[in-house]
Amino acid sequence: MHQQHVEGVVGVLKGKCLFSAEQVTEILHRCPQVLREDPGDLEYKFQYAYFRMGIKHLDIVRSDFLQYSVTKIKQRHTYLERLGRYQTPDKKGQTQIPNPLLKDVLRVSEAEFLARTACSSAEEFEVFKKLLAREEEEVSESGDEDGDEGEGEEGEQQR
C-alpha cells in the first residue's frame, strides 16, 4: 500500500469528513480495511451516513459504519425508510419515530435484520433489492443522457 494512498484516505477522513485525529485513529484501528478504499468512495459513504441517515460522527466511529459496503448500507437503510421504520432526522436531530440502532441495521445477518429490525420476509427484501438496483441504474442513465445533447437518434442506437 502506497504512503500517498494512506495519506489520501486520512486526508479525506480529517479534511472532508471532519473527523478528529483521535476519531481517525479509532476508525483505522477498528476498520483497517478503509485504507484499501478509494478516498472518494469513503467520502461518499460518510456523506450518505451523515446527511441521508442523520448519523453523527461518534456513532459512525463506534458502529464501525465505514467497514460496510455502500450497497448494503443503502439497501437496508432505504428498505427501512420505505417501510416507515427509519426517518432522516430534521435539522434539530428529531424524528417522529425512534430509528433502529445501527448495530441492528448493519451488524446483523440478513435473516436477523429482516426478522428483528425490518419485520419483513426474505422474498420481499429480494424484490426490493432488485427494484432499488433498477432505480439506481435509471438514475445513472438519466444522468448520463443529460450531457449527451445533440446526439440524436444515432447516439441512442450506440448505447
N, C-alpha and C. Protein backbone atom coordinates (compact mmCIF):
# COMPACT_ATOMS: atom_id res chain seq x y z
N MET A 1 0.86 -1.18 0.00
CA MET A 1 0.00 0.00 0.00
C MET A 1 0.90 1.24 0.00
N HIS A 2 0.61 2.15 -0.88
CA HIS A 2 1.44 3.34 -1.02
C HIS A 2 1.13 4.37 0.05
N GLN A 3 2.17 5.02 0.52
CA GLN A 3 2.04 6.08 1.53
C GLN A 3 1.09 7.16 1.05
N GLN A 4 1.15 7.46 -0.24
CA GLN A 4 0.31 8.51 -0.83
C GLN A 4 -1.18 8.16 -0.69
N HIS A 5 -1.51 6.88 -0.89
CA HIS A 5 -2.91 6.45 -0.77
C HIS A 5 -3.38 6.55 0.69
N VAL A 6 -2.53 6.11 1.61
CA VAL A 6 -2.86 6.19 3.04
C VAL A 6 -3.11 7.65 3.42
N GLU A 7 -2.23 8.53 2.97
CA GLU A 7 -2.39 9.96 3.25
C GLU A 7 -3.68 10.50 2.63
N GLY A 8 -4.05 9.99 1.46
CA GLY A 8 -5.29 10.41 0.82
C GLY A 8 -6.51 10.02 1.64
N VAL A 9 -6.51 8.79 2.15
CA VAL A 9 -7.63 8.31 2.98
C VAL A 9 -7.71 9.12 4.27
N VAL A 10 -6.58 9.28 4.94
CA VAL A 10 -6.55 10.05 6.20
C VAL A 10 -6.96 11.50 5.93
N GLY A 11 -6.50 12.05 4.81
CA GLY A 11 -6.87 13.42 4.44
C GLY A 11 -8.36 13.60 4.25
N VAL A 12 -9.01 12.63 3.63
CA VAL A 12 -10.46 12.69 3.44
C VAL A 12 -11.17 12.59 4.79
N LEU A 13 -10.74 11.65 5.62
CA LEU A 13 -11.39 11.48 6.93
C LEU A 13 -11.27 12.73 7.79
N LYS A 14 -10.09 13.37 7.76
CA LYS A 14 -9.88 14.58 8.57
C LYS A 14 -10.44 15.82 7.88
N GLY A 15 -10.08 16.01 6.62
CA GLY A 15 -10.38 17.26 5.93
C GLY A 15 -11.80 17.38 5.40
N LYS A 16 -12.31 16.32 4.77
CA LYS A 16 -13.64 16.41 4.16
C LYS A 16 -14.74 15.87 5.06
N CYS A 17 -14.43 14.85 5.84
CA CYS A 17 -15.44 14.27 6.74
C CYS A 17 -15.40 14.91 8.13
N LEU A 18 -14.35 15.65 8.40
CA LEU A 18 -14.18 16.40 9.65
C LEU A 18 -14.14 15.54 10.90
N PHE A 19 -13.53 14.36 10.79
CA PHE A 19 -13.28 13.55 11.97
C PHE A 19 -12.06 14.13 12.68
N SER A 20 -12.04 14.05 14.01
CA SER A 20 -10.87 14.49 14.77
C SER A 20 -9.74 13.48 14.55
N ALA A 21 -8.51 13.88 14.89
CA ALA A 21 -7.36 12.98 14.76
C ALA A 21 -7.59 11.71 15.59
N GLU A 22 -8.16 11.88 16.77
CA GLU A 22 -8.45 10.73 17.64
C GLU A 22 -9.48 9.80 17.00
N GLN A 23 -10.51 10.38 16.38
CA GLN A 23 -11.53 9.57 15.71
C GLN A 23 -10.95 8.83 14.50
N VAL A 24 -10.07 9.50 13.75
CA VAL A 24 -9.43 8.85 12.60
C VAL A 24 -8.60 7.66 13.07
N THR A 25 -7.87 7.84 14.15
CA THR A 25 -7.07 6.74 14.72
C THR A 25 -7.98 5.57 15.10
N GLU A 26 -9.11 5.88 15.73
CA GLU A 26 -10.04 4.82 16.14
C GLU A 26 -10.65 4.12 14.92
N ILE A 27 -11.00 4.89 13.89
CA ILE A 27 -11.54 4.30 12.66
C ILE A 27 -10.53 3.33 12.06
N LEU A 28 -9.27 3.77 11.95
CA LEU A 28 -8.24 2.93 11.34
C LEU A 28 -7.94 1.70 12.20
N HIS A 29 -8.08 1.83 13.50
CA HIS A 29 -7.88 0.70 14.41
C HIS A 29 -9.03 -0.30 14.28
N ARG A 30 -10.26 0.21 14.26
CA ARG A 30 -11.45 -0.65 14.23
C ARG A 30 -11.75 -1.20 12.84
N CYS A 31 -11.46 -0.41 11.82
CA CYS A 31 -11.79 -0.79 10.43
C CYS A 31 -10.59 -0.57 9.52
N PRO A 32 -9.52 -1.33 9.69
CA PRO A 32 -8.32 -1.08 8.88
C PRO A 32 -8.55 -1.22 7.37
N GLN A 33 -9.62 -1.93 6.99
CA GLN A 33 -9.90 -2.11 5.57
C GLN A 33 -10.25 -0.80 4.86
N VAL A 34 -10.58 0.26 5.61
CA VAL A 34 -10.87 1.55 4.96
C VAL A 34 -9.64 2.07 4.23
N LEU A 35 -8.47 1.60 4.63
CA LEU A 35 -7.24 2.03 3.96
C LEU A 35 -7.17 1.52 2.52
N ARG A 36 -7.94 0.48 2.22
CA ARG A 36 -7.96 -0.07 0.86
C ARG A 36 -9.01 0.62 -0.01
N GLU A 37 -9.86 1.42 0.60
CA GLU A 37 -10.94 2.06 -0.16
C GLU A 37 -10.47 3.29 -0.91
N ASP A 38 -11.19 3.58 -1.97
CA ASP A 38 -10.95 4.81 -2.71
C ASP A 38 -11.39 5.98 -1.82
N PRO A 39 -10.56 7.01 -1.66
CA PRO A 39 -10.93 8.14 -0.80
C PRO A 39 -12.27 8.78 -1.19
N GLY A 40 -12.56 8.86 -2.47
CA GLY A 40 -13.83 9.43 -2.92
C GLY A 40 -15.02 8.59 -2.49
N ASP A 41 -14.87 7.26 -2.56
CA ASP A 41 -15.93 6.36 -2.12
C ASP A 41 -16.15 6.47 -0.61
N LEU A 42 -15.06 6.62 0.11
CA LEU A 42 -15.13 6.77 1.56
C LEU A 42 -15.87 8.06 1.93
N GLU A 43 -15.57 9.13 1.22
CA GLU A 43 -16.25 10.40 1.47
C GLU A 43 -17.74 10.27 1.16
N TYR A 44 -18.08 9.59 0.06
CA TYR A 44 -19.49 9.40 -0.29
C TYR A 44 -20.22 8.61 0.80
N LYS A 45 -19.57 7.56 1.30
CA LYS A 45 -20.17 6.73 2.35
C LYS A 45 -20.44 7.57 3.60
N PHE A 46 -19.46 8.41 3.96
CA PHE A 46 -19.63 9.29 5.12
C PHE A 46 -20.80 10.25 4.88
N GLN A 47 -20.83 10.89 3.71
CA GLN A 47 -21.90 11.85 3.42
C GLN A 47 -23.27 11.19 3.45
N TYR A 48 -23.35 9.96 2.95
CA TYR A 48 -24.62 9.24 3.00
C TYR A 48 -25.05 9.03 4.45
N ALA A 49 -24.11 8.59 5.29
CA ALA A 49 -24.41 8.36 6.71
C ALA A 49 -24.84 9.65 7.40
N TYR A 50 -24.09 10.70 7.17
CA TYR A 50 -24.30 11.96 7.89
C TYR A 50 -25.54 12.71 7.41
N PHE A 51 -25.66 12.86 6.10
CA PHE A 51 -26.76 13.68 5.57
C PHE A 51 -28.04 12.90 5.30
N ARG A 52 -27.96 11.68 4.77
CA ARG A 52 -29.18 10.92 4.45
C ARG A 52 -29.73 10.18 5.66
N MET A 53 -28.81 9.64 6.47
CA MET A 53 -29.26 8.84 7.61
C MET A 53 -29.27 9.63 8.91
N GLY A 54 -28.59 10.76 8.94
CA GLY A 54 -28.57 11.58 10.15
C GLY A 54 -27.70 11.01 11.26
N ILE A 55 -26.64 10.30 10.89
CA ILE A 55 -25.76 9.68 11.88
C ILE A 55 -24.62 10.63 12.22
N LYS A 56 -24.38 10.79 13.50
CA LYS A 56 -23.32 11.69 13.99
C LYS A 56 -21.95 11.02 13.88
N HIS A 57 -20.91 11.86 13.90
CA HIS A 57 -19.53 11.38 13.76
C HIS A 57 -19.20 10.25 14.74
N LEU A 58 -19.51 10.46 16.01
CA LEU A 58 -19.15 9.47 17.03
C LEU A 58 -19.84 8.13 16.78
N ASP A 59 -21.10 8.18 16.32
CA ASP A 59 -21.82 6.94 16.03
C ASP A 59 -21.23 6.23 14.81
N ILE A 60 -20.77 7.01 13.83
CA ILE A 60 -20.12 6.41 12.66
C ILE A 60 -18.87 5.66 13.11
N VAL A 61 -18.11 6.27 14.01
CA VAL A 61 -16.88 5.64 14.51
C VAL A 61 -17.21 4.40 15.33
N ARG A 62 -18.09 4.52 16.29
CA ARG A 62 -18.37 3.43 17.24
C ARG A 62 -19.12 2.25 16.63
N SER A 63 -19.85 2.50 15.54
CA SER A 63 -20.62 1.42 14.92
C SER A 63 -19.83 0.69 13.85
N ASP A 64 -18.60 1.14 13.59
CA ASP A 64 -17.79 0.57 12.50
C ASP A 64 -18.49 0.72 11.15
N PHE A 65 -19.27 1.77 11.02
CA PHE A 65 -20.08 2.03 9.83
C PHE A 65 -19.27 1.95 8.54
N LEU A 66 -18.07 2.51 8.55
CA LEU A 66 -17.29 2.63 7.32
C LEU A 66 -16.77 1.29 6.78
N GLN A 67 -16.93 0.21 7.55
CA GLN A 67 -16.48 -1.10 7.06
C GLN A 67 -17.50 -1.73 6.11
N TYR A 68 -18.73 -1.25 6.13
CA TYR A 68 -19.78 -1.86 5.32
C TYR A 68 -19.82 -1.27 3.92
N SER A 69 -20.28 -2.07 2.96
CA SER A 69 -20.36 -1.60 1.58
C SER A 69 -21.50 -0.60 1.43
N VAL A 70 -21.33 0.32 0.49
CA VAL A 70 -22.38 1.30 0.20
C VAL A 70 -23.66 0.58 -0.20
N THR A 71 -23.52 -0.49 -0.95
CA THR A 71 -24.69 -1.25 -1.41
C THR A 71 -25.49 -1.77 -0.22
N LYS A 72 -24.82 -2.42 0.72
CA LYS A 72 -25.51 -2.97 1.90
C LYS A 72 -26.16 -1.85 2.71
N ILE A 73 -25.43 -0.76 2.91
CA ILE A 73 -25.95 0.37 3.68
C ILE A 73 -27.20 0.93 3.03
N LYS A 74 -27.11 1.21 1.73
CA LYS A 74 -28.26 1.80 1.02
C LYS A 74 -29.45 0.85 0.99
N GLN A 75 -29.19 -0.42 0.71
CA GLN A 75 -30.30 -1.38 0.65
C GLN A 75 -31.06 -1.43 1.96
N ARG A 76 -30.35 -1.60 3.04
CA ARG A 76 -31.02 -1.75 4.34
C ARG A 76 -31.65 -0.44 4.80
N HIS A 77 -30.95 0.67 4.63
CA HIS A 77 -31.49 1.96 5.05
C HIS A 77 -32.73 2.32 4.25
N THR A 78 -32.64 2.24 2.93
CA THR A 78 -33.77 2.61 2.07
C THR A 78 -34.96 1.69 2.31
N TYR A 79 -34.70 0.41 2.53
CA TYR A 79 -35.78 -0.54 2.80
C TYR A 79 -36.53 -0.13 4.07
N LEU A 80 -35.78 0.14 5.13
CA LEU A 80 -36.41 0.56 6.39
C LEU A 80 -37.16 1.87 6.21
N GLU A 81 -36.56 2.78 5.46
CA GLU A 81 -37.19 4.08 5.22
C GLU A 81 -38.53 3.91 4.51
N ARG A 82 -38.56 3.08 3.49
CA ARG A 82 -39.80 2.88 2.72
C ARG A 82 -40.83 2.07 3.49
N LEU A 83 -40.37 1.28 4.44
CA LEU A 83 -41.31 0.56 5.32
C LEU A 83 -41.85 1.48 6.42
N GLY A 84 -41.26 2.68 6.54
CA GLY A 84 -41.67 3.61 7.59
C GLY A 84 -41.00 3.31 8.92
N ARG A 85 -39.91 2.56 8.91
CA ARG A 85 -39.22 2.18 10.14
C ARG A 85 -37.94 2.96 10.37
N TYR A 86 -37.61 3.88 9.46
CA TYR A 86 -36.42 4.74 9.62
C TYR A 86 -36.76 6.10 9.04
N GLN A 87 -36.32 7.14 9.74
CA GLN A 87 -36.61 8.51 9.31
C GLN A 87 -35.35 9.35 9.44
N THR A 88 -35.06 10.14 8.40
CA THR A 88 -33.93 11.06 8.49
C THR A 88 -34.28 12.14 9.51
N PRO A 89 -33.43 12.36 10.49
CA PRO A 89 -33.72 13.40 11.49
C PRO A 89 -33.80 14.79 10.85
N ASP A 90 -34.62 15.66 11.45
CA ASP A 90 -34.72 17.04 10.97
C ASP A 90 -33.47 17.81 11.41
N LYS A 91 -33.46 19.12 11.14
CA LYS A 91 -32.29 19.94 11.46
C LYS A 91 -31.94 19.93 12.95
N LYS A 92 -32.93 19.67 13.79
CA LYS A 92 -32.68 19.62 15.24
C LYS A 92 -32.32 18.21 15.71
N GLY A 93 -32.25 17.28 14.77
CA GLY A 93 -31.90 15.90 15.12
C GLY A 93 -33.08 15.08 15.61
N GLN A 94 -34.30 15.57 15.38
CA GLN A 94 -35.50 14.90 15.86
C GLN A 94 -36.14 14.04 14.77
N THR A 95 -36.80 12.96 15.18
CA THR A 95 -37.58 12.13 14.27
C THR A 95 -38.95 11.90 14.89
N GLN A 96 -39.92 11.57 14.04
CA GLN A 96 -41.26 11.26 14.52
C GLN A 96 -41.32 9.86 15.15
N ILE A 97 -40.42 9.01 14.70
CA ILE A 97 -40.35 7.63 15.20
C ILE A 97 -38.94 7.37 15.71
N PRO A 98 -38.78 6.44 16.64
CA PRO A 98 -37.41 6.10 17.06
C PRO A 98 -36.75 5.23 15.98
N ASN A 99 -35.60 5.65 15.49
CA ASN A 99 -34.88 4.87 14.50
C ASN A 99 -34.21 3.67 15.16
N PRO A 100 -34.10 2.56 14.42
CA PRO A 100 -33.38 1.42 14.98
C PRO A 100 -31.91 1.76 15.17
N LEU A 101 -31.26 1.06 16.08
CA LEU A 101 -29.84 1.25 16.31
C LEU A 101 -29.06 0.75 15.09
N LEU A 102 -27.93 1.40 14.81
CA LEU A 102 -27.11 1.00 13.67
C LEU A 102 -26.69 -0.46 13.75
N LYS A 103 -26.39 -0.92 14.95
CA LYS A 103 -25.97 -2.32 15.09
C LYS A 103 -27.08 -3.28 14.67
N ASP A 104 -28.34 -2.87 14.83
CA ASP A 104 -29.46 -3.72 14.43
C ASP A 104 -29.76 -3.62 12.94
N VAL A 105 -29.17 -2.64 12.29
CA VAL A 105 -29.35 -2.47 10.85
C VAL A 105 -28.20 -3.13 10.09
N LEU A 106 -26.97 -2.92 10.55
CA LEU A 106 -25.80 -3.35 9.78
C LEU A 106 -25.02 -4.52 10.36
N ARG A 107 -24.92 -4.63 11.66
CA ARG A 107 -24.05 -5.64 12.27
C ARG A 107 -24.67 -7.02 12.38
N VAL A 108 -25.83 -7.21 11.82
CA VAL A 108 -26.53 -8.49 11.94
C VAL A 108 -26.64 -9.16 10.57
N SER A 109 -26.90 -10.44 10.59
CA SER A 109 -27.11 -11.17 9.33
C SER A 109 -28.37 -10.64 8.66
N GLU A 110 -28.50 -10.96 7.38
CA GLU A 110 -29.69 -10.51 6.66
C GLU A 110 -30.96 -11.10 7.28
N ALA A 111 -30.90 -12.36 7.67
CA ALA A 111 -32.06 -13.01 8.28
C ALA A 111 -32.47 -12.31 9.58
N GLU A 112 -31.48 -11.98 10.40
CA GLU A 112 -31.77 -11.29 11.66
C GLU A 112 -32.28 -9.87 11.40
N PHE A 113 -31.69 -9.18 10.43
CA PHE A 113 -32.14 -7.85 10.05
C PHE A 113 -33.62 -7.89 9.65
N LEU A 114 -33.98 -8.86 8.83
CA LEU A 114 -35.36 -8.95 8.35
C LEU A 114 -36.32 -9.34 9.47
N ALA A 115 -35.92 -10.26 10.32
CA ALA A 115 -36.81 -10.73 11.39
C ALA A 115 -37.00 -9.70 12.49
N ARG A 116 -35.90 -9.09 12.95
CA ARG A 116 -35.98 -8.22 14.13
C ARG A 116 -36.14 -6.74 13.82
N THR A 117 -35.50 -6.27 12.77
CA THR A 117 -35.49 -4.83 12.51
C THR A 117 -36.52 -4.43 11.47
N ALA A 118 -36.53 -5.12 10.34
CA ALA A 118 -37.45 -4.76 9.26
C ALA A 118 -38.82 -5.41 9.42
N CYS A 119 -38.87 -6.51 10.18
CA CYS A 119 -40.12 -7.28 10.34
C CYS A 119 -40.71 -7.60 8.96
N SER A 120 -39.90 -8.22 8.14
CA SER A 120 -40.26 -8.45 6.75
C SER A 120 -39.71 -9.80 6.30
N SER A 121 -40.16 -10.26 5.13
CA SER A 121 -39.70 -11.56 4.63
C SER A 121 -38.50 -11.40 3.69
N ALA A 122 -37.78 -12.49 3.54
CA ALA A 122 -36.62 -12.50 2.63
C ALA A 122 -37.07 -12.26 1.19
N GLU A 123 -38.23 -12.79 0.82
CA GLU A 123 -38.74 -12.61 -0.54
C GLU A 123 -39.00 -11.14 -0.83
N GLU A 124 -39.63 -10.46 0.13
CA GLU A 124 -39.91 -9.03 -0.06
C GLU A 124 -38.62 -8.23 -0.20
N PHE A 125 -37.63 -8.56 0.60
CA PHE A 125 -36.36 -7.83 0.56
C PHE A 125 -35.63 -8.10 -0.76
N GLU A 126 -35.69 -9.33 -1.26
CA GLU A 126 -35.05 -9.65 -2.54
C GLU A 126 -35.68 -8.85 -3.68
N VAL A 127 -37.01 -8.78 -3.69
CA VAL A 127 -37.71 -7.99 -4.71
C VAL A 127 -37.32 -6.53 -4.58
N PHE A 128 -37.28 -6.03 -3.35
CA PHE A 128 -36.91 -4.64 -3.12
C PHE A 128 -35.50 -4.35 -3.65
N LYS A 129 -34.54 -5.24 -3.37
CA LYS A 129 -33.16 -5.03 -3.81
C LYS A 129 -33.08 -4.95 -5.34
N LYS A 130 -33.84 -5.78 -6.02
CA LYS A 130 -33.85 -5.74 -7.49
C LYS A 130 -34.44 -4.43 -7.99
N LEU A 131 -35.53 -3.99 -7.38
CA LEU A 131 -36.16 -2.73 -7.77
C LEU A 131 -35.24 -1.54 -7.48
N LEU A 132 -34.56 -1.56 -6.34
CA LEU A 132 -33.64 -0.49 -5.99
C LEU A 132 -32.48 -0.42 -6.99
N ALA A 133 -31.95 -1.57 -7.36
CA ALA A 133 -30.85 -1.61 -8.35
C ALA A 133 -31.34 -1.03 -9.68
N ARG A 134 -32.56 -1.36 -10.06
CA ARG A 134 -33.12 -0.82 -11.31
C ARG A 134 -33.30 0.69 -11.21
N GLU A 135 -33.81 1.16 -10.07
CA GLU A 135 -33.96 2.61 -9.85
C GLU A 135 -32.63 3.33 -9.99
N GLU A 136 -31.60 2.79 -9.33
CA GLU A 136 -30.28 3.43 -9.36
C GLU A 136 -29.69 3.41 -10.76
N GLU A 137 -29.96 2.34 -11.50
CA GLU A 137 -29.49 2.24 -12.88
C GLU A 137 -30.17 3.31 -13.73
N GLU A 138 -31.47 3.49 -13.55
CA GLU A 138 -32.20 4.51 -14.31
C GLU A 138 -31.71 5.91 -13.98
N VAL A 139 -31.43 6.16 -12.71
CA VAL A 139 -30.92 7.47 -12.30
C VAL A 139 -29.56 7.73 -12.93
N SER A 140 -28.68 6.73 -12.92
CA SER A 140 -27.35 6.93 -13.50
C SER A 140 -27.44 7.08 -15.02
N GLU A 141 -28.36 6.36 -15.65
CA GLU A 141 -28.54 6.51 -17.10
C GLU A 141 -29.09 7.88 -17.45
N SER A 142 -30.06 8.37 -16.67
CA SER A 142 -30.62 9.70 -16.97
C SER A 142 -29.58 10.77 -16.72
N GLY A 143 -28.68 10.55 -15.77
CA GLY A 143 -27.58 11.48 -15.53
C GLY A 143 -26.63 11.49 -16.70
N ASP A 144 -26.39 10.33 -17.32
CA ASP A 144 -25.52 10.24 -18.49
C ASP A 144 -26.13 10.96 -19.68
N GLU A 145 -27.44 10.83 -19.85
CA GLU A 145 -28.09 11.42 -21.01
C GLU A 145 -28.12 12.93 -20.96
N ASP A 146 -28.06 13.51 -19.77
CA ASP A 146 -28.09 14.97 -19.66
C ASP A 146 -26.94 15.61 -20.41
N GLY A 147 -25.80 14.96 -20.46
CA GLY A 147 -24.63 15.54 -21.11
C GLY A 147 -24.53 15.16 -22.58
N ASP A 148 -25.53 14.45 -23.11
CA ASP A 148 -25.46 13.96 -24.48
C ASP A 148 -26.32 14.77 -25.44
N GLU A 149 -26.51 16.02 -25.19
CA GLU A 149 -27.35 16.83 -26.06
C GLU A 149 -26.78 16.87 -27.47
N GLY A 150 -27.69 16.81 -28.44
CA GLY A 150 -27.28 16.92 -29.83
C GLY A 150 -26.88 15.59 -30.45
N GLU A 151 -26.95 14.50 -29.69
CA GLU A 151 -26.59 13.20 -30.23
C GLU A 151 -27.66 12.66 -31.16
N GLY A 152 -28.90 12.93 -30.84
CA GLY A 152 -30.00 12.48 -31.68
C GLY A 152 -30.18 10.98 -31.63
N GLU A 153 -30.83 10.45 -32.68
CA GLU A 153 -31.15 9.03 -32.70
C GLU A 153 -29.91 8.15 -32.82
N GLU A 154 -28.89 8.62 -33.51
CA GLU A 154 -27.69 7.81 -33.67
C GLU A 154 -27.06 7.50 -32.32
N GLY A 155 -27.01 8.48 -31.44
CA GLY A 155 -26.43 8.29 -30.11
C GLY A 155 -27.22 7.28 -29.31
N GLU A 156 -28.54 7.27 -29.48
CA GLU A 156 -29.37 6.33 -28.75
C GLU A 156 -29.08 4.90 -29.20
N GLN A 157 -28.87 4.69 -30.50
CA GLN A 157 -28.64 3.35 -31.02
C GLN A 157 -27.28 2.80 -30.59
N GLN A 158 -26.33 3.66 -30.32
CA GLN A 158 -25.00 3.21 -29.96
C GLN A 158 -24.93 2.69 -28.54
N ARG A 159 -25.86 3.02 -27.70
CA ARG A 159 -25.82 2.58 -26.30
C ARG A 159 -26.13 1.14 -26.14
